[in-house]
Amino acid sequence: MVSVILTKVLTGEIGVFLARLKRVAFLYAVMAIFALLMLGYLLAALFIFVASYLGGLYTALAFAGGCLVIILFTYILLVLARRPAKRRADDRLQRDIASVAGVAALSNAPQILRSMGGRKGMILVPAAAVGGFALYSVMSMLRRDPDED
């Protein structure tokens, strides 16, 4: 975008470019206004449709509850976005370290297996233990009585 503007300044076509830019911005503003009107009419139509089944009061309460949920969701997103930059950087660093460690482990796995020679049981025993624990956890979840909670 900057290179286009610089090129237009150097060639003397900046006036034409700005006029076209104003026209496009105006058209986008008109489109945005009509899009908001369309959303308003769609919400009104939805309100009328739901009100025919639930009644006006319950529909208004349902719409208010839906708006409250959207507001709370937006507030949570804002709180997450306003986290201190240091905290976001720490989270990003932890993710980067975990991904690098995972890639390093996978890329070195063939070398580690070759260096172990005939002692493959050193890896199979922990893998079997983890698999057994996972199977036990799944089975205990399936056997649990739903009335216990």
C-alpha atoms as a PDB file:
ATOM      1  CA  MET A   1       0.000   0.000   0.000  1.00  0.00           C
ATOM      2  CA  VAL A   2       2.807   2.416   0.895  1.00  0.00           C
ATOM      3  CA  SER A   3       4.686   1.576  -2.286  1.00  0.00           C
ATOM      4  CA  VAL A   4       1.547   2.274  -4.334  1.00  0.00           C
ATOM      5  CA  ILE A   5       1.136   5.695  -2.694  1.00  0.00           C
ATOM      6  CA  LEU A   6       4.832   6.537  -3.190  1.00  0.00           C
ATOM      7  CA  THR A   7       4.625   5.525  -6.833  1.00  0.00           C
ATOM      8  CA  LYS A   8       1.532   7.690  -7.315  1.00  0.00           C
ATOM      9  CA  VAL A   9       3.244  10.681  -5.631  1.00  0.00           C
ATOM     10  CA  LEU A  10       6.294  10.344  -7.846  1.00  0.00           C
ATOM     11  CA  THR A  11       4.239  10.055 -11.017  1.00  0.00           C
ATOM     12  CA  GLY A  12       1.801  12.835 -10.064  1.00  0.00           C
ATOM     13  CA  GLU A  13      -1.299  10.639  -9.955  1.00  0.00           C
ATOM     14  CA  ILE A  14      -1.919  11.074  -6.227  1.00  0.00           C
ATOM     15  CA  GLY A  15      -5.026  13.232  -6.787  1.00  0.00           C
ATOM     16  CA  VAL A  16      -6.703  10.540  -8.889  1.00  0.00           C
ATOM     17  CA  PHE A  17      -5.675   7.881  -6.375  1.00  0.00           C
ATOM     18  CA  LEU A  18      -7.092   9.823  -3.398  1.00  0.00           C
ATOM     19  CA  ALA A  19     -10.346  10.538  -5.217  1.00  0.00           C
ATOM     20  CA  ARG A  20     -10.761   6.848  -5.981  1.00  0.00           C
ATOM     21  CA  LEU A  21      -9.832   5.966  -2.387  1.00  0.00           C
ATOM     22  CA  LYS A  22     -12.497   8.378  -1.042  1.00  0.00           C
ATOM     23  CA  ARG A  23     -15.100   6.912  -3.370  1.00  0.00           C
ATOM     24  CA  VAL A  24     -14.246   3.344  -2.287  1.00  0.00           C
ATOM     25  CA  ALA A  25     -14.281   4.316   1.412  1.00  0.00           C
ATOM     26  CA  PHE A  26     -17.706   5.926   0.980  1.00  0.00           C
ATOM     27  CA  LEU A  27     -19.045   2.801  -0.736  1.00  0.00           C
ATOM     28  CA  TYR A  28     -17.689   0.600   2.060  1.00  0.00           C
ATOM     29  CA  ALA A  29     -19.349   2.859   4.654  1.00  0.00           C
ATOM     30  CA  VAL A  30     -22.675   2.593   2.824  1.00  0.00           C
ATOM     31  CA  MET A  31     -22.285  -1.193   2.671  1.00  0.00           C
ATOM     32  CA  ALA A  32     -21.548  -1.320   6.415  1.00  0.00           C
ATOM     33  CA  ILE A  33     -24.661   0.745   7.222  1.00  0.00           C
ATOM     34  CA  PHE A  34     -26.878  -1.518   5.128  1.00  0.00           C
ATOM     35  CA  ALA A  35     -25.264  -4.620   6.658  1.00  0.00           C
ATOM     36  CA  LEU A  36     -26.136  -3.309  10.143  1.00  0.00           C
ATOM     37  CA  LEU A  37     -29.692  -2.582   9.012  1.00  0.00           C
ATOM     38  CA  MET A  38     -29.938  -6.080   7.569  1.00  0.00           C
ATOM     39  CA  LEU A  39     -28.795  -7.592  10.867  1.00  0.00           C
ATOM     40  CA  GLY A  40     -31.352  -5.493  12.728  1.00  0.00           C
ATOM     41  CA  TYR A  41     -34.167  -6.656  10.466  1.00  0.00           C
ATOM     42  CA  LEU A  42     -33.019 -10.271  10.777  1.00  0.00           C
ATOM     43  CA  LEU A  43     -33.047  -9.982  14.567  1.00  0.00           C
ATOM     44  CA  ALA A  44     -36.524  -8.422  14.428  1.00  0.00           C
ATOM     45  CA  ALA A  45     -37.753 -11.254  12.192  1.00  0.00           C
ATOM     46  CA  LEU A  46     -36.244 -13.841  14.518  1.00  0.00           C
ATOM     47  CA  PHE A  47     -37.840 -12.115  17.496  1.00  0.00           C
ATOM     48  CA  ILE A  48     -41.266 -12.159  15.820  1.00  0.00           C
ATOM     49  CA  PHE A  49     -40.855 -15.816  14.838  1.00  0.00           C
ATOM     50  CA  VAL A  50     -39.830 -16.928  18.334  1.00  0.00           C
ATOM     51  CA  ALA A  51     -42.491 -14.712  19.921  1.00  0.00           C
ATOM     52  CA  SER A  52     -45.180 -16.564  17.960  1.00  0.00           C
ATOM     53  CA  TYR A  53     -44.191 -19.727  19.855  1.00  0.00           C
ATOM     54  CA  LEU A  54     -43.078 -18.465  23.273  1.00  0.00           C
ATOM     55  CA  GLY A  55     -44.881 -15.180  23.645  1.00  0.00           C
ATOM     56  CA  GLY A  56     -43.448 -11.690  23.754  1.00  0.00           C
ATOM     57  CA  LEU A  57     -42.205 -11.657  27.359  1.00  0.00           C
ATOM     58  CA  TYR A  58     -40.340 -14.960  27.220  1.00  0.00           C
ATOM     59  CA  THR A  59     -38.834 -14.091  23.857  1.00  0.00           C
ATOM     60  CA  ALA A  60     -37.589 -10.753  25.172  1.00  0.00           C
ATOM     61  CA  LEU A  61     -36.087 -12.499  28.195  1.00  0.00           C
ATOM     62  CA  ALA A  62     -34.419 -15.093  25.949  1.00  0.00           C
ATOM     63  CA  PHE A  63     -32.954 -12.395  23.703  1.00  0.00           C
ATOM     64  CA  ALA A  64     -31.718 -10.474  26.760  1.00  0.00           C
ATOM     65  CA  GLY A  65     -30.095 -13.637  28.100  1.00  0.00           C
ATOM     66  CA  GLY A  66     -28.455 -14.289  24.743  1.00  0.00           C
ATOM     67  CA  CYS A  67     -27.098 -10.748  24.674  1.00  0.00           C
ATOM     68  CA  LEU A  68     -25.790 -11.193  28.220  1.00  0.00           C
ATOM     69  CA  VAL A  69     -23.947 -14.356  27.198  1.00  0.00           C
ATOM     70  CA  ILE A  70     -22.386 -12.551  24.226  1.00  0.00           C
ATOM     71  CA  ILE A  71     -21.349  -9.632  26.454  1.00  0.00           C
ATOM     72  CA  LEU A  72     -19.759 -11.977  29.011  1.00  0.00           C
ATOM     73  CA  PHE A  73     -17.921 -13.868  26.270  1.00  0.00           C
ATOM     74  CA  THR A  74     -16.630 -10.590  24.829  1.00  0.00           C
ATOM     75  CA  TYR A  75     -15.541  -9.423  28.286  1.00  0.00           C
ATOM     76  CA  ILE A  76     -13.594 -12.648  28.830  1.00  0.00           C
ATOM     77  CA  LEU A  77     -11.881 -12.173  25.462  1.00  0.00           C
ATOM     78  CA  LEU A  78     -10.993  -8.575  26.424  1.00  0.00           C
ATOM     79  CA  VAL A  79      -9.531  -9.689  29.753  1.00  0.00           C
ATOM     80  CA  LEU A  80      -7.435 -12.294  27.963  1.00  0.00           C
ATOM     81  CA  ALA A  81      -6.293  -9.766  25.371  1.00  0.00           C
ATOM     82  CA  ARG A  82      -5.296  -7.222  28.055  1.00  0.00           C
ATOM     83  CA  ARG A  83      -3.002  -9.650  29.836  1.00  0.00           C
ATOM     84  CA  PRO A  84       0.414  -8.144  30.441  1.00  0.00           C
ATOM     85  CA  ALA A  85       2.770  -8.518  27.530  1.00  0.00           C
ATOM     86  CA  LYS A  86       5.276 -10.275  29.775  1.00  0.00           C
ATOM     87  CA  ARG A  87       2.709 -12.951  30.648  1.00  0.00           C
ATOM     88  CA  ARG A  88       1.819 -13.453  26.973  1.00  0.00           C
ATOM     89  CA  ALA A  89       5.519 -13.667  26.136  1.00  0.00           C
ATOM     90  CA  ASP A  90       6.039 -16.251  28.900  1.00  0.00           C
ATOM     91  CA  ASP A  91       3.151 -18.334  27.561  1.00  0.00           C
ATOM     92  CA  ARG A  92       4.533 -18.088  24.044  1.00  0.00           C
ATOM     93  CA  LEU A  93       7.997 -19.073  25.292  1.00  0.00           C
ATOM     94  CA  GLN A  94       6.587 -22.127  27.095  1.00  0.00           C
ATOM     95  CA  ARG A  95       4.757 -23.219  23.942  1.00  0.00           C
ATOM     96  CA  ASP A  96       7.897 -22.723  21.853  1.00  0.00           C
ATOM     97  CA  ILE A  97      10.009 -24.734  24.311  1.00  0.00           C
ATOM     98  CA  ALA A  98       7.454 -27.551  24.338  1.00  0.00           C
ATOM     99  CA  SER A  99       7.311 -27.686  20.551  1.00  0.00           C
ATOM    100  CA  VAL A 100      11.111 -27.654  20.223  1.00  0.00           C
ATOM    101  CA  ALA A 101      11.402 -30.412  22.836  1.00  0.00           C
ATOM    102  CA  GLY A 102       8.819 -32.500  21.002  1.00  0.00           C
ATOM    103  CA  VAL A 103      10.561 -32.071  17.665  1.00  0.00           C
ATOM    104  CA  ALA A 104      13.937 -32.887  19.236  1.00  0.00           C
ATOM    105  CA  ALA A 105      12.550 -36.015  20.872  1.00  0.00           C
ATOM    106  CA  LEU A 106      10.985 -37.237  17.646  1.00  0.00           C
ATOM    107  CA  SER A 107      14.033 -36.478  15.538  1.00  0.00           C
ATOM    108  CA  ASN A 108      16.356 -38.255  17.985  1.00  0.00           C
ATOM    109  CA  ALA A 109      14.112 -41.283  18.550  1.00  0.00           C
ATOM    110  CA  PRO A 110      15.808 -43.493  15.906  1.00  0.00           C
ATOM    111  CA  GLN A 111      19.256 -42.734  17.340  1.00  0.00           C
ATOM    112  CA  ILE A 112      18.096 -43.474  20.877  1.00  0.00           C
ATOM    113  CA  LEU A 113      16.566 -46.781  19.796  1.00  0.00           C
ATOM    114  CA  ARG A 114      19.772 -47.745  17.930  1.00  0.00           C
ATOM    115  CA  SER A 115      21.945 -46.900  20.917  1.00  0.00           C
ATOM    116  CA  MET A 116      19.866 -49.112  23.193  1.00  0.00           C
ATOM    117  CA  GLY A 117      20.725 -52.165  21.110  1.00  0.00           C
ATOM    118  CA  GLY A 118      19.032 -55.258  22.526  1.00  0.00           C
ATOM    119  CA  ARG A 119      17.574 -53.490  25.567  1.00  0.00           C
ATOM    120  CA  LYS A 120      14.299 -52.496  23.945  1.00  0.00           C
ATOM    121  CA  GLY A 121      12.495 -53.529  27.125  1.00  0.00           C
ATOM    122  CA  MET A 122      13.695 -50.299  28.720  1.00  0.00           C
ATOM    123  CA  ILE A 123      11.235 -48.455  26.494  1.00  0.00           C
ATOM    124  CA  LEU A 124       8.564 -51.134  26.233  1.00  0.00           C
ATOM    125  CA  VAL A 125       8.053 -51.462  29.995  1.00  0.00           C
ATOM    126  CA  PRO A 126       7.223 -47.767  30.617  1.00  0.00           C
ATOM    127  CA  ALA A 127       5.112 -47.661  27.438  1.00  0.00           C
ATOM    128  CA  ALA A 128       3.174 -50.735  28.585  1.00  0.00           C
ATOM    129  CA  ALA A 129       2.728 -49.192  32.042  1.00  0.00           C
ATOM    130  CA  VAL A 130       1.301 -45.989  30.573  1.00  0.00           C
ATOM    131  CA  GLY A 131      -0.968 -47.978  28.242  1.00  0.00           C
ATOM    132  CA  GLY A 132      -2.158 -50.146  31.129  1.00  0.00           C
ATOM    133  CA  PHE A 133      -2.898 -47.106  33.268  1.00  0.00           C
ATOM    134  CA  ALA A 134      -4.858 -45.518  30.424  1.00  0.00           C
ATOM    135  CA  LEU A 135      -6.843 -48.724  29.906  1.00  0.00           C
ATOM    136  CA  TYR A 136      -7.532 -48.944  33.657  1.00  0.00           C
ATOM    137  CA  SER A 137      -8.724 -45.322  33.705  1.00  0.00           C
ATOM    138  CA  VAL A 138     -11.062 -45.864  30.775  1.00  0.00           C
ATOM    139  CA  MET A 139     -12.452 -49.070  32.242  1.00  0.00           C
ATOM    140  CA  SER A 140     -13.031 -47.498  35.654  1.00  0.00           C
ATOM    141  CA  MET A 141     -14.839 -44.580  34.000  1.00  0.00           C
ATOM    142  CA  LEU A 142     -17.072 -46.967  32.073  1.00  0.00           C
ATOM    143  CA  ARG A 143     -17.820 -49.078  35.175  1.00  0.00           C
ATOM    144  CA  ARG A 144     -18.570 -46.102  37.408  1.00  0.00           C
ATOM    145  CA  ASP A 145     -22.199 -45.876  38.481  1.00  0.00           C
ATOM    146  CA  PRO A 146     -23.740 -42.572  37.308  1.00  0.00           C
ATOM    147  CA  ASP A 147     -25.652 -42.300  40.623  1.00  0.00           C
ATOM    148  CA  GLU A 148     -22.402 -42.136  42.653  1.00  0.00           C
ATOM    149  CA  ASP A 149     -21.803 -38.477  41.811  1.00  0.00           C
END
